């Protein structure tokens, strides 16, 4: 059975994606912070503020981009249709 997604909720989808990107950024931020701390001639390392700001920037950017994308999708749905997918029920 083919179905279409008629509406995407901007706030909920943006919130979920923003949190996921913030958490995923830690996969990059932690090793980068450690490398910058221990590698380098002065060995001063980066300020801890950079480590805290990095995930927050990703959270805000992820939220805004997905929320705007959902708003555009919702506005265009009536003209071009929605994302289609097929589903079927599994026998118990």
N, C-alpha and C. Protein backbone atom coordinates (compact mmCIF):
# COMPACT_ATOMS: atom_id res chain seq x y z
N UNK A 1 0.84 -1.16 0.00
CA UNK A 1 0.00 0.00 0.00
C UNK A 1 0.89 1.23 0.00
N UNK A 2 0.70 2.10 -1.00
CA UNK A 2 1.47 3.33 -1.08
C UNK A 2 0.83 4.40 -0.20
N UNK A 3 1.67 5.13 0.48
CA UNK A 3 1.21 6.22 1.33
C UNK A 3 2.10 7.42 1.11
N UNK A 4 1.58 8.60 1.43
CA UNK A 4 2.35 9.84 1.33
C UNK A 4 2.40 10.52 2.68
N UNK A 5 3.53 11.12 2.95
CA UNK A 5 3.66 11.94 4.16
C UNK A 5 3.10 13.31 3.81
N UNK A 6 2.01 13.68 4.47
CA UNK A 6 1.32 14.92 4.15
C UNK A 6 1.94 16.13 4.83
N UNK A 7 2.40 15.96 6.06
CA UNK A 7 2.94 17.10 6.81
C UNK A 7 4.06 16.63 7.71
N UNK A 8 5.12 17.43 7.78
CA UNK A 8 6.22 17.20 8.70
C UNK A 8 6.19 18.30 9.75
N UNK A 9 6.28 17.94 11.00
CA UNK A 9 6.23 18.90 12.09
C UNK A 9 7.61 19.57 12.24
N UNK A 10 7.70 20.86 11.96
CA UNK A 10 9.02 21.53 11.99
C UNK A 10 9.69 21.50 13.37
N UNK A 11 8.97 21.82 14.43
CA UNK A 11 9.60 21.89 15.75
C UNK A 11 10.08 20.53 16.23
N UNK A 12 9.23 19.52 16.15
CA UNK A 12 9.61 18.20 16.65
C UNK A 12 10.77 17.61 15.84
N UNK A 13 10.68 17.68 14.52
CA UNK A 13 11.75 17.13 13.69
C UNK A 13 13.04 17.92 13.86
N UNK A 14 12.93 19.24 13.96
CA UNK A 14 14.11 20.07 14.19
C UNK A 14 14.76 19.77 15.53
N UNK A 15 13.94 19.57 16.55
CA UNK A 15 14.45 19.27 17.89
C UNK A 15 15.21 17.94 17.90
N UNK A 16 14.63 16.92 17.30
CA UNK A 16 15.27 15.61 17.27
C UNK A 16 16.58 15.68 16.48
N UNK A 17 16.54 16.28 15.29
CA UNK A 17 17.74 16.35 14.47
C UNK A 17 18.81 17.22 15.12
N UNK A 18 18.41 18.32 15.75
CA UNK A 18 19.38 19.19 16.42
C UNK A 18 20.12 18.46 17.53
N UNK A 19 19.39 17.70 18.33
CA UNK A 19 20.01 16.94 19.42
C UNK A 19 20.92 15.85 18.86
N UNK A 20 20.46 15.17 17.80
CA UNK A 20 21.30 14.12 17.20
C UNK A 20 22.59 14.69 16.63
N UNK A 21 22.52 15.83 15.97
CA UNK A 21 23.74 16.42 15.41
C UNK A 21 24.67 16.94 16.51
N UNK A 22 24.09 17.45 17.58
CA UNK A 22 24.93 17.91 18.70
C UNK A 22 25.68 16.72 19.32
N UNK A 23 24.99 15.61 19.50
CA UNK A 23 25.65 14.43 20.04
C UNK A 23 26.68 13.87 19.07
N UNK A 24 26.34 13.86 17.79
CA UNK A 24 27.28 13.36 16.78
C UNK A 24 28.50 14.27 16.68
N UNK A 25 28.34 15.55 16.93
CA UNK A 25 29.49 16.46 16.85
C UNK A 25 30.50 16.15 17.95
N UNK A 26 30.04 15.57 19.03
CA UNK A 26 30.97 15.21 20.10
C UNK A 26 31.94 14.12 19.65
N UNK A 27 31.51 13.29 18.69
CA UNK A 27 32.39 12.26 18.15
C UNK A 27 33.60 12.92 17.49
N UNK A 28 33.41 14.10 16.92
CA UNK A 28 34.51 14.85 16.32
C UNK A 28 35.17 15.79 17.33
N UNK A 29 34.38 16.39 18.18
CA UNK A 29 34.90 17.43 19.07
C UNK A 29 35.84 16.87 20.13
N UNK A 30 35.51 15.73 20.71
CA UNK A 30 36.35 15.18 21.78
C UNK A 30 37.74 14.81 21.26
N UNK A 31 37.85 14.01 20.18
CA UNK A 31 39.20 13.71 19.69
C UNK A 31 39.96 14.95 19.21
N UNK A 32 39.24 15.89 18.56
CA UNK A 32 39.88 17.11 18.09
C UNK A 32 40.40 17.92 19.29
N UNK A 33 39.63 17.99 20.34
CA UNK A 33 40.04 18.72 21.54
C UNK A 33 41.30 18.08 22.15
N UNK A 34 41.30 16.74 22.20
CA UNK A 34 42.46 16.06 22.77
C UNK A 34 43.71 16.24 21.91
N UNK A 35 43.55 16.15 20.59
CA UNK A 35 44.69 16.34 19.70
C UNK A 35 45.23 17.76 19.82
N UNK A 36 44.34 18.73 19.85
CA UNK A 36 44.77 20.12 19.96
C UNK A 36 45.41 20.42 21.31
N UNK A 37 45.00 19.67 22.33
CA UNK A 37 45.56 19.89 23.66
C UNK A 37 46.99 19.37 23.75
N UNK A 38 47.22 18.18 23.19
CA UNK A 38 48.53 17.54 23.36
C UNK A 38 49.48 17.73 22.19
N UNK A 39 49.00 18.20 21.07
CA UNK A 39 49.88 18.43 19.92
C UNK A 39 50.02 19.92 19.70
N UNK A 40 51.17 20.32 19.48
CA UNK A 40 51.39 21.75 19.24
C UNK A 40 52.61 22.21 19.99
N UNK A 41 53.28 23.20 19.46
CA UNK A 41 54.52 23.65 20.08
C UNK A 41 54.33 24.27 21.45
N UNK A 42 53.28 25.04 21.64
CA UNK A 42 53.11 25.73 22.92
C UNK A 42 52.44 24.83 23.95
N UNK A 43 51.71 23.84 23.50
CA UNK A 43 50.98 22.90 24.37
C UNK A 43 50.00 23.62 25.30
N UNK A 44 49.55 24.79 24.88
CA UNK A 44 48.54 25.48 25.67
C UNK A 44 47.18 24.84 25.46
N UNK A 45 46.95 24.35 24.27
CA UNK A 45 45.67 23.72 23.98
C UNK A 45 44.59 24.75 23.73
N UNK A 46 43.49 24.30 23.19
CA UNK A 46 42.38 25.21 22.92
C UNK A 46 41.63 25.54 24.20
N UNK A 47 40.96 26.64 24.22
CA UNK A 47 40.15 26.94 25.39
C UNK A 47 38.97 25.97 25.48
N UNK A 48 38.58 25.65 26.69
CA UNK A 48 37.47 24.71 26.89
C UNK A 48 36.17 25.26 26.33
N UNK A 49 36.08 26.55 26.18
CA UNK A 49 34.88 27.17 25.63
C UNK A 49 34.61 26.67 24.21
N UNK A 50 35.66 26.45 23.43
CA UNK A 50 35.50 25.94 22.08
C UNK A 50 34.84 24.57 22.12
N UNK A 51 35.25 23.75 23.06
CA UNK A 51 34.69 22.41 23.21
C UNK A 51 33.19 22.47 23.55
N UNK A 52 32.78 23.46 24.30
CA UNK A 52 31.37 23.61 24.67
C UNK A 52 30.54 24.25 23.56
N UNK A 53 31.14 25.16 22.81
CA UNK A 53 30.41 25.88 21.77
C UNK A 53 30.15 25.01 20.55
N UNK A 54 31.07 24.12 20.23
CA UNK A 54 30.97 23.28 19.04
C UNK A 54 29.64 22.51 18.97
N UNK A 55 29.25 21.75 20.00
CA UNK A 55 27.96 21.04 19.94
C UNK A 55 26.76 21.98 19.93
N UNK A 56 26.86 23.12 20.57
CA UNK A 56 25.73 24.06 20.60
C UNK A 56 25.50 24.64 19.20
N UNK A 57 26.57 24.95 18.49
CA UNK A 57 26.44 25.45 17.12
C UNK A 57 25.79 24.39 16.24
N UNK A 58 26.21 23.15 16.38
CA UNK A 58 25.60 22.07 15.61
C UNK A 58 24.13 21.90 15.96
N UNK A 59 23.78 22.01 17.24
CA UNK A 59 22.38 21.89 17.66
C UNK A 59 21.52 22.96 17.00
N UNK A 60 21.97 24.20 17.06
CA UNK A 60 21.20 25.31 16.50
C UNK A 60 21.11 25.19 14.98
N UNK A 61 22.23 24.91 14.33
CA UNK A 61 22.24 24.80 12.87
C UNK A 61 21.38 23.62 12.41
N UNK A 62 21.47 22.49 13.11
CA UNK A 62 20.65 21.33 12.76
C UNK A 62 19.17 21.60 12.94
N UNK A 63 18.83 22.23 14.05
CA UNK A 63 17.43 22.55 14.30
C UNK A 63 16.87 23.47 13.22
N UNK A 64 17.59 24.56 12.96
CA UNK A 64 17.09 25.55 11.99
C UNK A 64 16.98 24.96 10.58
N UNK A 65 17.98 24.21 10.16
CA UNK A 65 17.94 23.67 8.80
C UNK A 65 16.80 22.68 8.62
N UNK A 66 16.55 21.83 9.60
CA UNK A 66 15.46 20.86 9.48
C UNK A 66 14.11 21.55 9.63
N UNK A 67 13.98 22.49 10.54
CA UNK A 67 12.71 23.19 10.70
C UNK A 67 12.35 23.96 9.43
N UNK A 68 13.31 24.63 8.83
CA UNK A 68 13.05 25.36 7.58
C UNK A 68 12.73 24.37 6.46
N UNK A 69 13.45 23.27 6.41
CA UNK A 69 13.17 22.24 5.41
C UNK A 69 11.76 21.68 5.54
N UNK A 70 11.31 21.46 6.76
CA UNK A 70 9.94 20.96 6.99
C UNK A 70 8.91 22.00 6.56
N UNK A 71 9.17 23.27 6.85
CA UNK A 71 8.24 24.32 6.43
C UNK A 71 8.14 24.39 4.91
N UNK A 72 9.27 24.27 4.23
CA UNK A 72 9.26 24.28 2.76
C UNK A 72 8.51 23.06 2.24
N UNK A 73 8.77 21.89 2.81
CA UNK A 73 8.07 20.67 2.40
C UNK A 73 6.56 20.84 2.57
N UNK A 74 6.13 21.35 3.71
CA UNK A 74 4.71 21.54 3.97
C UNK A 74 4.08 22.51 2.97
N UNK A 75 4.80 23.56 2.61
CA UNK A 75 4.28 24.54 1.66
C UNK A 75 4.20 23.96 0.25
N UNK A 76 5.15 23.11 -0.10
CA UNK A 76 5.20 22.56 -1.46
C UNK A 76 4.35 21.31 -1.64
N UNK A 77 3.89 20.71 -0.55
CA UNK A 77 3.14 19.46 -0.63
C UNK A 77 1.92 19.56 -1.55
N UNK A 78 1.19 20.66 -1.44
CA UNK A 78 -0.03 20.79 -2.22
C UNK A 78 0.25 20.93 -3.72
N UNK A 79 1.49 21.33 -4.10
CA UNK A 79 1.82 21.51 -5.51
C UNK A 79 2.51 20.29 -6.12
N UNK A 80 3.37 19.63 -5.37
CA UNK A 80 4.16 18.54 -5.94
C UNK A 80 3.90 17.19 -5.30
N UNK A 81 3.07 17.15 -4.27
CA UNK A 81 2.83 15.89 -3.58
C UNK A 81 3.88 15.65 -2.51
N UNK A 82 3.73 14.54 -1.83
CA UNK A 82 4.63 14.27 -0.72
C UNK A 82 5.56 13.11 -1.00
N UNK A 83 6.37 12.79 -0.02
CA UNK A 83 7.26 11.64 -0.09
C UNK A 83 6.40 10.39 -0.04
N UNK A 84 6.62 9.49 -0.99
CA UNK A 84 5.84 8.26 -1.03
C UNK A 84 6.66 7.11 -0.47
N UNK A 85 5.96 6.20 0.18
CA UNK A 85 6.58 4.98 0.65
C UNK A 85 5.56 3.88 0.62
N UNK A 86 6.01 2.65 0.58
CA UNK A 86 5.12 1.51 0.60
C UNK A 86 5.20 0.84 1.94
N UNK A 87 4.06 0.39 2.41
CA UNK A 87 4.04 -0.34 3.67
C UNK A 87 3.15 -1.56 3.52
N UNK A 88 3.40 -2.52 4.37
CA UNK A 88 2.54 -3.71 4.38
C UNK A 88 2.48 -4.20 5.83
N UNK A 89 1.45 -4.93 6.11
CA UNK A 89 1.29 -5.48 7.46
C UNK A 89 1.90 -6.86 7.49
N UNK A 90 2.60 -7.13 8.57
CA UNK A 90 3.21 -8.45 8.75
C UNK A 90 2.23 -9.37 9.45
N UNK A 91 2.27 -10.60 9.06
CA UNK A 91 1.40 -11.59 9.73
C UNK A 91 1.99 -11.89 11.09
N UNK A 92 1.14 -12.02 12.11
CA UNK A 92 1.67 -12.28 13.48
C UNK A 92 2.28 -13.64 13.64
